[in-house]
């Protein structure tokens, strides 16, 4: 599988990332935590942080972080594909329709946090990547300068069509994002990526492959 496809799969297989920031309380040491993340329709990595949390205080002083994106359902992490992202975490500067689309996508993946950015002291942050480190099994390790998820814009009727297909296969799930390599789905509090047998160029081709069962589901192959 091409490097960009593997990296995209890692991005869309994770909803809780491990983040290491520069400790403000103990200078010189990294401070790790777990944060809720998602990929915006434009392909950006965003996180929802409490303004009073220690990790938020850290990035307000020094925005340099490392974030580990890992498979949400994988049990053998040494064999799993995972992606470390080095970059700068900054407050999300977005408004209007673009912000509402981003919020909708995030809360589809995190329904338990619904509207935290409006009702509690939580705010969205965006990661500006500097470099990526992809690990896929023991033998495949790559530094990557950029990852292009190639996300499709999902129209309501297309989203509904994909959800109907998922139901046909007995999936109690719904689609979050779709790209040329497959699609991200959410089921019972966990996210996973359904990889297409072959990459596609158009949304219609993705729907055709999904309808024909031409995809791999990690929940069925483990």
N, C-alpha and C. Protein backbone atom coordinates (compact mmCIF):
# COMPACT_ATOMS: atom_id res chain seq x y z
N UNK A 1 0.85 -1.19 0.00
CA UNK A 1 0.00 0.00 0.00
C UNK A 1 0.89 1.25 0.00
N UNK A 2 0.59 2.26 -0.83
CA UNK A 2 1.40 3.48 -0.88
C UNK A 2 1.48 4.17 0.48
N UNK A 3 2.58 4.90 0.69
CA UNK A 3 2.81 5.57 1.97
C UNK A 3 1.67 6.52 2.31
N UNK A 4 1.22 7.31 1.34
CA UNK A 4 0.14 8.27 1.62
C UNK A 4 -1.15 7.56 2.02
N UNK A 5 -1.42 6.41 1.43
CA UNK A 5 -2.61 5.64 1.78
C UNK A 5 -2.50 5.10 3.20
N UNK A 6 -1.34 4.59 3.58
CA UNK A 6 -1.13 4.09 4.94
C UNK A 6 -1.27 5.22 5.96
N UNK A 7 -0.68 6.38 5.64
CA UNK A 7 -0.76 7.52 6.56
C UNK A 7 -2.20 8.01 6.70
N UNK A 8 -2.93 8.04 5.60
CA UNK A 8 -4.32 8.45 5.64
C UNK A 8 -5.14 7.49 6.49
N UNK A 9 -4.87 6.20 6.33
CA UNK A 9 -5.57 5.19 7.13
C UNK A 9 -5.29 5.40 8.62
N UNK A 10 -4.05 5.73 8.96
CA UNK A 10 -3.71 5.98 10.37
C UNK A 10 -4.46 7.20 10.90
N UNK A 11 -4.53 8.26 10.11
CA UNK A 11 -5.24 9.47 10.52
C UNK A 11 -6.72 9.19 10.79
N UNK A 12 -7.32 8.41 9.92
CA UNK A 12 -8.77 8.18 9.99
C UNK A 12 -9.14 6.96 10.84
N UNK A 13 -8.16 6.35 11.50
CA UNK A 13 -8.42 5.22 12.39
C UNK A 13 -8.34 5.63 13.86
N UNK A 14 -8.19 6.92 14.12
CA UNK A 14 -7.93 7.40 15.47
C UNK A 14 -8.89 8.52 15.85
N UNK A 15 -9.41 8.46 17.07
CA UNK A 15 -10.20 9.58 17.58
C UNK A 15 -9.69 10.07 18.94
N UNK A 16 -8.80 9.31 19.57
CA UNK A 16 -8.16 9.72 20.81
C UNK A 16 -6.65 9.59 20.61
N UNK A 17 -5.96 10.71 20.53
CA UNK A 17 -4.52 10.70 20.25
C UNK A 17 -3.73 10.93 21.53
N UNK A 18 -2.49 10.44 21.53
CA UNK A 18 -1.56 10.72 22.62
C UNK A 18 -0.75 11.95 22.22
N UNK A 19 -0.76 12.97 23.07
CA UNK A 19 -0.03 14.20 22.77
C UNK A 19 1.05 14.46 23.80
N UNK A 20 2.24 14.80 23.34
CA UNK A 20 3.33 15.21 24.21
C UNK A 20 3.61 16.69 23.97
N UNK A 21 3.53 17.47 25.04
CA UNK A 21 3.83 18.90 24.96
C UNK A 21 5.06 19.19 25.83
N UNK A 22 5.55 20.42 25.74
CA UNK A 22 6.69 20.84 26.55
C UNK A 22 6.18 21.27 27.93
N UNK A 23 6.62 20.58 28.98
CA UNK A 23 6.11 20.87 30.32
C UNK A 23 6.47 22.28 30.76
N UNK A 24 5.45 23.02 31.21
CA UNK A 24 5.68 24.36 31.76
C UNK A 24 6.05 24.28 33.24
N UNK A 25 5.59 23.21 33.91
CA UNK A 25 5.85 23.06 35.35
C UNK A 25 7.22 22.47 35.63
N UNK A 26 7.65 21.56 34.74
CA UNK A 26 8.97 20.92 34.90
C UNK A 26 9.72 21.13 33.59
N UNK A 27 10.33 22.28 33.40
CA UNK A 27 10.98 22.62 32.12
C UNK A 27 11.99 21.57 31.67
N UNK A 28 11.97 21.32 30.37
CA UNK A 28 12.90 20.37 29.78
C UNK A 28 12.36 18.96 29.66
N UNK A 29 11.18 18.71 30.24
CA UNK A 29 10.60 17.38 30.18
C UNK A 29 9.31 17.40 29.35
N UNK A 30 9.05 16.32 28.60
CA UNK A 30 7.77 16.22 27.88
C UNK A 30 6.64 15.86 28.83
N UNK A 31 5.45 16.33 28.49
CA UNK A 31 4.25 16.04 29.29
C UNK A 31 3.24 15.38 28.36
N UNK A 32 2.84 14.14 28.66
CA UNK A 32 1.94 13.41 27.78
C UNK A 32 0.53 13.34 28.34
N UNK A 33 -0.43 13.28 27.42
CA UNK A 33 -1.83 13.17 27.78
C UNK A 33 -2.59 12.58 26.61
N UNK A 34 -3.86 12.30 26.82
CA UNK A 34 -4.73 11.80 25.75
C UNK A 34 -5.77 12.86 25.43
N UNK A 35 -5.94 13.16 24.15
CA UNK A 35 -6.87 14.21 23.75
C UNK A 35 -7.78 13.73 22.62
N UNK A 36 -9.00 14.27 22.54
CA UNK A 36 -9.90 13.93 21.43
C UNK A 36 -9.52 14.69 20.17
N UNK A 37 -9.43 13.98 19.06
CA UNK A 37 -9.02 14.59 17.80
C UNK A 37 -9.96 14.17 16.68
N UNK A 38 -9.87 14.88 15.59
CA UNK A 38 -10.55 14.47 14.35
C UNK A 38 -9.87 15.15 13.17
N UNK A 39 -10.24 14.72 11.99
CA UNK A 39 -9.73 15.31 10.76
C UNK A 39 -10.85 16.15 10.15
N UNK A 40 -10.57 17.41 9.87
CA UNK A 40 -11.59 18.28 9.30
C UNK A 40 -11.85 17.88 7.84
N UNK A 41 -12.97 18.32 7.27
CA UNK A 41 -13.24 18.04 5.86
C UNK A 41 -12.13 18.53 4.93
N UNK A 42 -11.35 19.52 5.37
CA UNK A 42 -10.24 20.02 4.54
C UNK A 42 -8.93 19.27 4.82
N UNK A 43 -8.96 18.30 5.75
CA UNK A 43 -7.79 17.46 5.99
C UNK A 43 -6.90 17.89 7.14
N UNK A 44 -7.32 18.87 7.93
CA UNK A 44 -6.53 19.33 9.06
C UNK A 44 -6.79 18.46 10.29
N UNK A 45 -5.78 18.33 11.15
CA UNK A 45 -5.94 17.62 12.42
C UNK A 45 -6.35 18.66 13.48
N UNK A 46 -7.50 18.44 14.12
CA UNK A 46 -7.94 19.36 15.17
C UNK A 46 -8.15 18.60 16.47
N UNK A 47 -8.07 19.34 17.58
CA UNK A 47 -8.27 18.77 18.90
C UNK A 47 -9.16 19.71 19.71
N UNK A 48 -9.87 19.14 20.69
CA UNK A 48 -10.72 19.93 21.58
C UNK A 48 -10.08 19.89 22.96
N UNK A 49 -9.63 21.05 23.46
CA UNK A 49 -8.90 21.12 24.72
C UNK A 49 -9.61 22.00 25.73
N UNK A 50 -9.53 21.57 26.99
CA UNK A 50 -10.03 22.39 28.10
C UNK A 50 -9.02 23.47 28.40
N UNK A 51 -9.47 24.71 28.51
CA UNK A 51 -8.53 25.82 28.68
C UNK A 51 -7.80 25.78 30.01
N UNK A 52 -8.31 25.01 30.98
CA UNK A 52 -7.68 24.93 32.30
C UNK A 52 -6.76 23.72 32.45
N UNK A 53 -6.70 22.85 31.42
CA UNK A 53 -5.88 21.64 31.51
C UNK A 53 -4.39 22.00 31.44
N UNK A 54 -3.57 21.16 32.07
CA UNK A 54 -2.13 21.41 32.08
C UNK A 54 -1.55 21.41 30.67
N UNK A 55 -2.02 20.47 29.81
CA UNK A 55 -1.46 20.42 28.46
C UNK A 55 -1.82 21.66 27.65
N UNK A 56 -2.98 22.26 27.94
CA UNK A 56 -3.35 23.50 27.26
C UNK A 56 -2.45 24.65 27.71
N UNK A 57 -2.18 24.70 28.99
CA UNK A 57 -1.25 25.72 29.50
C UNK A 57 0.13 25.56 28.87
N UNK A 58 0.53 24.31 28.69
CA UNK A 58 1.84 24.06 28.08
C UNK A 58 1.92 24.63 26.67
N UNK A 59 0.89 24.32 25.83
CA UNK A 59 0.97 24.74 24.42
C UNK A 59 0.72 26.23 24.26
N UNK A 60 0.13 26.87 25.26
CA UNK A 60 -0.02 28.32 25.20
C UNK A 60 1.34 29.00 25.36
N UNK A 61 2.26 28.33 26.05
CA UNK A 61 3.62 28.86 26.25
C UNK A 61 4.54 28.42 25.11
N UNK A 62 4.44 27.14 24.76
CA UNK A 62 5.27 26.58 23.70
C UNK A 62 4.40 25.65 22.85
N UNK A 63 4.05 26.04 21.63
CA UNK A 63 3.10 25.28 20.81
C UNK A 63 3.68 24.01 20.17
N UNK A 64 4.97 23.73 20.38
CA UNK A 64 5.57 22.55 19.77
C UNK A 64 5.09 21.29 20.48
N UNK A 65 4.56 20.34 19.69
CA UNK A 65 4.05 19.10 20.26
C UNK A 65 4.38 17.93 19.34
N UNK A 66 4.21 16.74 19.88
CA UNK A 66 4.23 15.51 19.09
C UNK A 66 2.94 14.77 19.39
N UNK A 67 2.26 14.30 18.35
CA UNK A 67 0.98 13.63 18.52
C UNK A 67 1.03 12.25 17.88
N UNK A 68 0.65 11.23 18.63
CA UNK A 68 0.62 9.87 18.12
C UNK A 68 -0.81 9.50 17.73
N UNK A 69 -1.01 9.25 16.44
CA UNK A 69 -2.30 8.79 15.92
C UNK A 69 -2.22 7.27 15.79
N UNK A 70 -3.08 6.56 16.50
CA UNK A 70 -3.02 5.10 16.53
C UNK A 70 -4.38 4.50 16.20
N UNK A 71 -4.37 3.24 15.83
CA UNK A 71 -5.60 2.53 15.45
C UNK A 71 -6.48 2.33 16.68
N UNK A 72 -7.74 2.76 16.59
CA UNK A 72 -8.65 2.73 17.73
C UNK A 72 -9.03 1.32 18.17
N UNK A 73 -8.95 0.34 17.27
CA UNK A 73 -9.38 -1.01 17.63
C UNK A 73 -8.24 -2.02 17.66
N UNK A 74 -7.03 -1.57 17.33
CA UNK A 74 -5.89 -2.49 17.29
C UNK A 74 -5.47 -2.91 18.70
N UNK A 75 -5.15 -4.18 18.87
CA UNK A 75 -4.68 -4.69 20.16
C UNK A 75 -3.17 -4.87 20.17
N UNK A 76 -2.58 -5.23 19.04
CA UNK A 76 -1.13 -5.40 18.94
C UNK A 76 -0.52 -4.13 18.36
N UNK A 77 -0.15 -3.21 19.23
CA UNK A 77 0.32 -1.90 18.76
C UNK A 77 1.64 -1.99 18.04
N UNK A 78 2.48 -2.97 18.35
CA UNK A 78 3.76 -3.09 17.67
C UNK A 78 3.58 -3.47 16.20
N UNK A 79 2.51 -4.17 15.91
CA UNK A 79 2.24 -4.57 14.53
C UNK A 79 1.34 -3.57 13.81
N UNK A 80 0.73 -2.66 14.56
CA UNK A 80 -0.25 -1.74 13.98
C UNK A 80 0.42 -0.59 13.23
N UNK A 81 -0.32 -0.04 12.27
CA UNK A 81 0.12 1.18 11.59
C UNK A 81 -0.18 2.37 12.50
N UNK A 82 0.80 3.21 12.71
CA UNK A 82 0.61 4.38 13.55
C UNK A 82 1.41 5.55 12.98
N UNK A 83 0.98 6.75 13.35
CA UNK A 83 1.55 7.96 12.75
C UNK A 83 1.87 8.95 13.85
N UNK A 84 3.14 9.35 13.94
CA UNK A 84 3.54 10.42 14.85
C UNK A 84 3.61 11.72 14.05
N UNK A 85 2.99 12.76 14.58
CA UNK A 85 2.95 14.05 13.88
C UNK A 85 3.65 15.09 14.75
N UNK A 86 4.71 15.68 14.22
CA UNK A 86 5.42 16.75 14.91
C UNK A 86 4.96 18.08 14.31
N UNK A 87 4.65 19.03 15.19
CA UNK A 87 4.19 20.30 14.67
C UNK A 87 3.84 21.29 15.75
N UNK A 88 3.10 22.33 15.36
CA UNK A 88 2.70 23.40 16.25
C UNK A 88 1.18 23.34 16.45
N UNK A 89 0.75 23.32 17.71
CA UNK A 89 -0.68 23.31 18.01
C UNK A 89 -1.12 24.73 18.33
N UNK A 90 -2.06 25.24 17.55
CA UNK A 90 -2.49 26.62 17.70
C UNK A 90 -4.02 26.71 17.77
N UNK A 91 -4.56 27.77 18.39
CA UNK A 91 -6.01 27.95 18.42
C UNK A 91 -6.59 27.97 17.01
N UNK A 92 -7.71 27.31 16.82
CA UNK A 92 -8.34 27.25 15.50
C UNK A 92 -8.96 28.60 15.17
N UNK A 93 -8.55 29.17 14.06
CA UNK A 93 -9.10 30.44 13.59
C UNK A 93 -10.08 30.14 12.45
N UNK A 94 -11.33 30.03 12.79
CA UNK A 94 -12.34 29.65 11.80
C UNK A 94 -13.69 30.22 12.23
N UNK A 95 -14.53 30.54 11.29
CA UNK A 95 -15.83 31.11 11.62
C UNK A 95 -16.86 30.75 10.55
N UNK A 96 -18.10 31.13 10.81
CA UNK A 96 -19.17 30.96 9.83
C UNK A 96 -19.46 29.52 9.46
N UNK A 97 -19.79 29.32 8.19
CA UNK A 97 -20.18 28.00 7.69
C UNK A 97 -19.04 26.99 7.80
N UNK A 98 -17.81 27.47 7.58
CA UNK A 98 -16.65 26.56 7.68
C UNK A 98 -16.52 26.00 9.09
N UNK A 99 -16.70 26.84 10.09
CA UNK A 99 -16.61 26.38 11.48
C UNK A 99 -17.74 25.41 11.80
N UNK A 100 -18.95 25.70 11.34
CA UNK A 100 -20.08 24.82 11.63
C UNK A 100 -19.88 23.44 10.98
N UNK A 101 -19.32 23.41 9.78
CA UNK A 101 -19.03 22.14 9.11
C UNK A 101 -17.99 21.35 9.91
N UNK A 102 -16.97 22.06 10.39
CA UNK A 102 -15.92 21.42 11.18
C UNK A 102 -16.48 20.90 12.50
N UNK A 103 -17.30 21.68 13.16
CA UNK A 103 -17.91 21.26 14.43
C UNK A 103 -18.78 20.03 14.22
N UNK A 104 -19.57 20.05 13.15
CA UNK A 104 -20.47 18.92 12.87
C UNK A 104 -19.67 17.64 12.67
N UNK A 105 -18.59 17.73 11.90
CA UNK A 105 -17.76 16.57 11.64
C UNK A 105 -17.10 16.05 12.92
N UNK A 106 -16.60 16.98 13.75
CA UNK A 106 -15.94 16.58 15.00
C UNK A 106 -16.93 15.88 15.93
N UNK A 107 -18.11 16.42 16.09
CA UNK A 107 -19.07 15.86 17.04
C UNK A 107 -19.75 14.59 16.53
N UNK A 108 -19.70 14.34 15.23
CA UNK A 108 -20.11 13.03 14.74
C UNK A 108 -19.19 11.95 15.29
N UNK A 109 -17.91 12.30 15.43
CA UNK A 109 -16.90 11.36 15.93
C UNK A 109 -16.84 11.34 17.46
N UNK A 110 -17.31 12.43 18.08
CA UNK A 110 -17.27 12.55 19.54
C UNK A 110 -18.63 12.99 20.08
N UNK A 111 -19.66 12.16 19.92
CA UNK A 111 -20.99 12.58 20.37
C UNK A 111 -21.07 12.82 21.87
N UNK A 112 -20.19 12.17 22.63
CA UNK A 112 -20.19 12.34 24.09
C UNK A 112 -19.71 13.72 24.51
N UNK A 113 -19.09 14.47 23.59
CA UNK A 113 -18.58 15.81 23.89
C UNK A 113 -19.43 16.91 23.24
N UNK A 114 -20.58 16.57 22.75
CA UNK A 114 -21.42 17.47 21.96
C UNK A 114 -21.52 18.87 22.56
N UNK A 115 -21.13 19.86 21.77
CA UNK A 115 -21.23 21.28 22.09
C UNK A 115 -20.38 21.73 23.27
N UNK A 116 -19.36 20.96 23.64
CA UNK A 116 -18.48 21.37 24.73
C UNK A 116 -17.82 22.71 24.44
N UNK A 117 -17.58 23.02 23.16
CA UNK A 117 -16.94 24.28 22.82
C UNK A 117 -17.85 25.48 23.03
N UNK A 118 -19.13 25.24 23.23
CA UNK A 118 -20.08 26.33 23.42
C UNK A 118 -20.63 26.39 24.84
N UNK A 119 -20.60 25.26 25.56
CA UNK A 119 -21.21 25.21 26.88
C UNK A 119 -20.19 25.11 28.02
N UNK A 120 -18.97 24.72 27.71
CA UNK A 120 -17.93 24.57 28.73
C UNK A 120 -16.65 25.28 28.28
N UNK A 121 -15.61 25.22 29.11
CA UNK A 121 -14.36 25.92 28.80
C UNK A 121 -13.46 25.10 27.89
N UNK A 122 -14.02 24.70 26.74
CA UNK A 122 -13.27 23.93 25.76
C UNK A 122 -13.18 24.74 24.47
N UNK A 123 -12.05 24.56 23.77
CA UNK A 123 -11.84 25.28 22.52
C UNK A 123 -11.14 24.36 21.52
N UNK A 124 -11.36 24.64 20.25
CA UNK A 124 -10.72 23.86 19.20
C UNK A 124 -9.32 24.41 18.91
N UNK A 125 -8.41 23.47 18.68
CA UNK A 125 -7.04 23.79 18.30
C UNK A 125 -6.71 23.02 17.03
N UNK A 126 -5.81 23.56 16.23
CA UNK A 126 -5.42 22.91 14.98
C UNK A 126 -3.92 22.66 14.98
N UNK A 127 -3.53 21.52 14.46
CA UNK A 127 -2.13 21.14 14.40
C UNK A 127 -1.55 21.56 13.05
N UNK A 128 -0.49 22.33 13.10
CA UNK A 128 0.25 22.70 11.89
C UNK A 128 1.44 21.75 11.79
N UNK A 129 1.36 20.72 10.95
CA UNK A 129 2.42 19.69 10.91
C UNK A 129 3.73 20.23 10.34
N UNK A 130 4.81 19.72 10.91
CA UNK A 130 6.16 19.98 10.39
C UNK A 130 6.68 18.73 9.69
N UNK A 131 6.45 17.56 10.31
CA UNK A 131 6.87 16.30 9.73
C UNK A 131 6.09 15.16 10.34
N UNK A 132 6.01 14.06 9.59
CA UNK A 132 5.29 12.88 10.03
C UNK A 132 6.25 11.69 10.09
N UNK A 133 6.02 10.81 11.05
CA UNK A 133 6.77 9.55 11.14
C UNK A 133 5.76 8.40 11.08
N UNK A 134 5.80 7.66 9.99
CA UNK A 134 4.87 6.55 9.77
C UNK A 134 5.55 5.24 10.10
N UNK A 135 4.88 4.43 10.92
CA UNK A 135 5.35 3.08 11.22
C UNK A 135 4.23 2.11 10.89
N UNK A 136 4.53 1.17 10.01
CA UNK A 136 3.55 0.16 9.62
C UNK A 136 4.20 -1.22 9.77
N UNK A 137 3.97 -1.83 10.94
CA UNK A 137 4.65 -3.08 11.22
C UNK A 137 6.10 -2.83 11.60
N UNK A 138 6.91 -3.87 11.56
CA UNK A 138 8.30 -3.77 11.99
C UNK A 138 9.22 -3.28 10.88
N UNK A 139 8.89 -3.60 9.63
CA UNK A 139 9.82 -3.35 8.54
C UNK A 139 9.58 -2.05 7.78
N UNK A 140 8.42 -1.43 7.95
CA UNK A 140 8.12 -0.22 7.15
C UNK A 140 8.09 1.01 8.05
N UNK A 141 9.11 1.85 7.93
CA UNK A 141 9.22 3.07 8.71
C UNK A 141 9.62 4.20 7.76
N UNK A 142 8.85 5.29 7.78
CA UNK A 142 9.11 6.38 6.84
C UNK A 142 8.95 7.73 7.53
N UNK A 143 9.85 8.67 7.22
CA UNK A 143 9.61 10.08 7.51
C UNK A 143 8.84 10.64 6.32
N UNK A 144 7.81 11.44 6.58
CA UNK A 144 6.98 12.01 5.53
C UNK A 144 6.86 13.51 5.75
N UNK A 145 6.99 14.26 4.69
CA UNK A 145 6.87 15.72 4.80
C UNK A 145 5.41 16.19 4.79
N UNK A 146 4.53 15.41 4.15
CA UNK A 146 3.12 15.80 4.07
C UNK A 146 2.25 14.57 3.89
N UNK A 147 1.03 14.66 4.40
CA UNK A 147 0.02 13.61 4.19
C UNK A 147 -1.19 14.27 3.54
N UNK A 148 -1.67 13.68 2.46
CA UNK A 148 -2.83 14.23 1.75
C UNK A 148 -3.98 13.22 1.84
N UNK A 149 -4.93 13.44 2.76
CA UNK A 149 -6.03 12.48 2.92
C UNK A 149 -6.95 12.37 1.71
N UNK A 150 -6.95 13.40 0.84
CA UNK A 150 -7.82 13.38 -0.36
C UNK A 150 -9.26 13.07 0.03
N UNK A 151 -9.79 13.84 0.99
CA UNK A 151 -11.15 13.63 1.45
C UNK A 151 -12.17 14.11 0.42
N UNK A 152 -13.26 13.37 0.30
CA UNK A 152 -14.36 13.79 -0.55
C UNK A 152 -15.31 14.68 0.25
N UNK A 153 -15.94 15.60 -0.45
CA UNK A 153 -17.01 16.38 0.18
C UNK A 153 -18.28 15.52 0.15
N UNK A 154 -18.76 15.16 1.33
CA UNK A 154 -19.91 14.26 1.41
C UNK A 154 -21.21 15.06 1.39
N UNK A 155 -22.00 14.87 0.36
CA UNK A 155 -23.31 15.46 0.29
C UNK A 155 -24.28 14.62 1.16
N UNK A 156 -25.35 15.23 1.67
CA UNK A 156 -26.28 14.49 2.54
C UNK A 156 -26.79 13.20 1.91
N UNK A 157 -27.12 13.21 0.61
CA UNK A 157 -27.64 12.02 -0.04
C UNK A 157 -26.57 10.94 -0.18
N UNK A 158 -25.30 11.36 -0.36
CA UNK A 158 -24.21 10.40 -0.44
C UNK A 158 -23.94 9.78 0.93
N UNK A 159 -23.98 10.59 1.98
CA UNK A 159 -23.80 10.08 3.32
C UNK A 159 -24.89 9.06 3.66
N UNK A 160 -26.12 9.37 3.28
CA UNK A 160 -27.23 8.46 3.53
C UNK A 160 -27.06 7.17 2.76
N UNK A 161 -26.61 7.27 1.51
CA UNK A 161 -26.40 6.07 0.69
C UNK A 161 -25.35 5.16 1.32
N UNK A 162 -24.27 5.74 1.84
CA UNK A 162 -23.22 4.95 2.48
C UNK A 162 -23.72 4.32 3.78
N UNK A 163 -24.52 5.05 4.54
CA UNK A 163 -25.07 4.48 5.77
C UNK A 163 -26.02 3.32 5.48
N UNK A 164 -26.76 3.42 4.39
CA UNK A 164 -27.64 2.33 3.98
C UNK A 164 -26.82 1.09 3.61
N UNK A 165 -25.70 1.32 2.91
CA UNK A 165 -24.81 0.21 2.54
C UNK A 165 -24.23 -0.45 3.79
N UNK A 166 -23.82 0.36 4.76
CA UNK A 166 -23.29 -0.19 6.00
C UNK A 166 -24.34 -1.06 6.70
N UNK A 167 -25.57 -0.60 6.71
CA UNK A 167 -26.66 -1.37 7.33
C UNK A 167 -26.88 -2.69 6.59
N UNK A 168 -26.70 -2.66 5.28
CA UNK A 168 -26.87 -3.88 4.49
C UNK A 168 -25.89 -4.97 4.92
N UNK A 169 -24.69 -4.55 5.33
CA UNK A 169 -23.68 -5.51 5.77
C UNK A 169 -23.76 -5.79 7.27
N UNK A 170 -24.84 -5.35 7.89
CA UNK A 170 -25.04 -5.63 9.31
C UNK A 170 -24.28 -4.70 10.23
N UNK A 171 -23.79 -3.59 9.69
CA UNK A 171 -23.04 -2.64 10.49
C UNK A 171 -23.99 -1.72 11.24
N UNK A 172 -23.81 -1.62 12.54
CA UNK A 172 -24.56 -0.65 13.34
C UNK A 172 -23.70 0.60 13.50
N UNK A 173 -23.43 1.24 12.39
CA UNK A 173 -22.45 2.32 12.37
C UNK A 173 -22.90 3.40 11.39
N UNK A 174 -22.16 4.50 11.36
CA UNK A 174 -22.42 5.55 10.37
C UNK A 174 -21.10 6.14 9.91
N UNK A 175 -21.12 6.71 8.72
CA UNK A 175 -19.91 7.22 8.10
C UNK A 175 -19.57 8.62 8.65
N UNK A 176 -18.27 8.86 8.84
CA UNK A 176 -17.77 10.16 9.28
C UNK A 176 -17.13 10.90 8.11
N UNK A 177 -16.09 10.28 7.53
CA UNK A 177 -15.37 10.86 6.40
C UNK A 177 -15.15 9.79 5.34
N UNK A 178 -14.99 10.24 4.11
CA UNK A 178 -14.68 9.33 3.00
C UNK A 178 -13.56 9.93 2.17
N UNK A 179 -12.70 9.06 1.65
CA UNK A 179 -11.58 9.52 0.83
C UNK A 179 -11.34 8.50 -0.28
N UNK A 180 -10.36 8.74 -1.10
CA UNK A 180 -10.12 7.86 -2.25
C UNK A 180 -9.63 6.48 -1.83
N UNK A 181 -9.23 6.33 -0.56
CA UNK A 181 -8.72 5.04 -0.08
C UNK A 181 -9.75 4.24 0.71
N UNK A 182 -10.85 4.88 1.09
CA UNK A 182 -11.85 4.18 1.90
C UNK A 182 -12.65 5.16 2.71
N UNK A 183 -13.20 4.70 3.84
CA UNK A 183 -13.98 5.62 4.65
C UNK A 183 -13.88 5.32 6.14
N UNK A 184 -14.07 6.38 6.90
CA UNK A 184 -14.01 6.34 8.35
C UNK A 184 -15.43 6.17 8.88
N UNK A 185 -15.63 5.15 9.75
CA UNK A 185 -16.95 4.93 10.31
C UNK A 185 -16.87 4.92 11.83
N UNK A 186 -18.01 5.16 12.47
CA UNK A 186 -18.10 5.21 13.92
C UNK A 186 -19.17 4.22 14.38
N UNK A 187 -18.78 3.39 15.36
CA UNK A 187 -19.71 2.38 15.86
C UNK A 187 -19.45 2.11 17.33
N UNK A 188 -20.48 2.30 18.14
CA UNK A 188 -20.43 1.97 19.56
C UNK A 188 -19.20 2.56 20.26
N UNK A 189 -18.97 3.83 20.03
CA UNK A 189 -17.90 4.54 20.72
C UNK A 189 -16.51 4.36 20.16
N UNK A 190 -16.38 3.67 19.02
CA UNK A 190 -15.06 3.45 18.44
C UNK A 190 -15.08 3.78 16.95
N UNK A 191 -13.91 4.15 16.45
CA UNK A 191 -13.79 4.51 15.04
C UNK A 191 -12.94 3.46 14.34
N UNK A 192 -13.24 3.22 13.08
CA UNK A 192 -12.36 2.36 12.28
C UNK A 192 -12.43 2.78 10.82
N UNK A 193 -11.43 2.30 10.07
CA UNK A 193 -11.30 2.68 8.67
C UNK A 193 -11.55 1.47 7.79
N UNK A 194 -12.50 1.60 6.88
CA UNK A 194 -12.79 0.55 5.90
C UNK A 194 -11.99 0.86 4.64
N UNK A 195 -10.98 0.04 4.36
CA UNK A 195 -10.08 0.31 3.23
C UNK A 195 -10.61 -0.33 1.96
N UNK A 196 -10.69 0.47 0.90
CA UNK A 196 -11.11 -0.05 -0.39
C UNK A 196 -10.05 -0.99 -0.97
N UNK A 197 -10.51 -1.94 -1.78
CA UNK A 197 -9.57 -2.85 -2.45
C UNK A 197 -8.66 -2.07 -3.40
N UNK A 198 -9.23 -1.06 -4.06
CA UNK A 198 -8.48 -0.21 -4.98
C UNK A 198 -8.87 1.25 -4.74
N UNK A 199 -7.91 2.18 -4.78
CA UNK A 199 -8.24 3.59 -4.62
C UNK A 199 -9.13 4.09 -5.76
N UNK A 200 -9.92 5.10 -5.47
CA UNK A 200 -10.86 5.63 -6.46
C UNK A 200 -10.58 7.12 -6.68
N UNK A 201 -11.15 7.66 -7.73
CA UNK A 201 -11.00 9.07 -8.04
C UNK A 201 -12.25 9.87 -7.71
N UNK A 202 -13.40 9.18 -7.73
CA UNK A 202 -14.67 9.89 -7.56
C UNK A 202 -15.52 9.24 -6.47
N UNK A 203 -16.38 10.06 -5.88
CA UNK A 203 -17.27 9.58 -4.83
C UNK A 203 -18.18 8.47 -5.34
N UNK A 204 -18.64 8.58 -6.56
CA UNK A 204 -19.52 7.56 -7.13
C UNK A 204 -18.84 6.20 -7.19
N UNK A 205 -17.52 6.21 -7.46
CA UNK A 205 -16.76 4.95 -7.52
C UNK A 205 -16.63 4.34 -6.12
N UNK A 206 -16.47 5.18 -5.11
CA UNK A 206 -16.40 4.68 -3.74
C UNK A 206 -17.70 4.00 -3.36
N UNK A 207 -18.83 4.64 -3.69
CA UNK A 207 -20.14 4.05 -3.37
C UNK A 207 -20.31 2.72 -4.08
N UNK A 208 -19.85 2.64 -5.33
CA UNK A 208 -19.95 1.39 -6.09
C UNK A 208 -19.13 0.28 -5.44
N UNK A 209 -17.89 0.60 -5.04
CA UNK A 209 -17.05 -0.42 -4.41
C UNK A 209 -17.62 -0.85 -3.07
N UNK A 210 -18.11 0.08 -2.29
CA UNK A 210 -18.70 -0.26 -1.00
C UNK A 210 -19.93 -1.15 -1.20
N UNK A 211 -20.76 -0.81 -2.16
CA UNK A 211 -21.97 -1.57 -2.43
C UNK A 211 -21.65 -2.99 -2.89
N UNK A 212 -20.50 -3.14 -3.58
CA UNK A 212 -20.09 -4.46 -4.07
C UNK A 212 -19.27 -5.24 -3.04
N UNK A 213 -19.07 -4.64 -1.87
CA UNK A 213 -18.31 -5.32 -0.83
C UNK A 213 -16.81 -5.34 -1.06
N UNK A 214 -16.31 -4.42 -1.89
CA UNK A 214 -14.89 -4.39 -2.22
C UNK A 214 -14.11 -3.54 -1.22
N UNK A 215 -14.14 -3.97 0.03
CA UNK A 215 -13.42 -3.25 1.08
C UNK A 215 -13.02 -4.23 2.17
N UNK A 216 -12.03 -3.81 2.97
CA UNK A 216 -11.55 -4.60 4.10
C UNK A 216 -11.99 -3.94 5.39
N UNK A 217 -12.58 -4.73 6.28
CA UNK A 217 -13.02 -4.23 7.58
C UNK A 217 -12.14 -4.85 8.65
N UNK A 218 -11.33 -4.03 9.37
CA UNK A 218 -10.42 -4.58 10.39
C UNK A 218 -11.15 -5.31 11.50
N UNK A 219 -12.41 -4.95 11.75
CA UNK A 219 -13.17 -5.63 12.81
C UNK A 219 -13.51 -7.07 12.42
N UNK A 220 -13.47 -7.39 11.12
CA UNK A 220 -13.82 -8.71 10.65
C UNK A 220 -12.60 -9.56 10.33
N UNK A 221 -11.43 -8.90 10.22
CA UNK A 221 -10.23 -9.64 9.81
C UNK A 221 -9.29 -9.92 10.97
N UNK A 222 -9.57 -9.34 12.15
CA UNK A 222 -8.69 -9.61 13.29
C UNK A 222 -8.90 -11.02 13.81
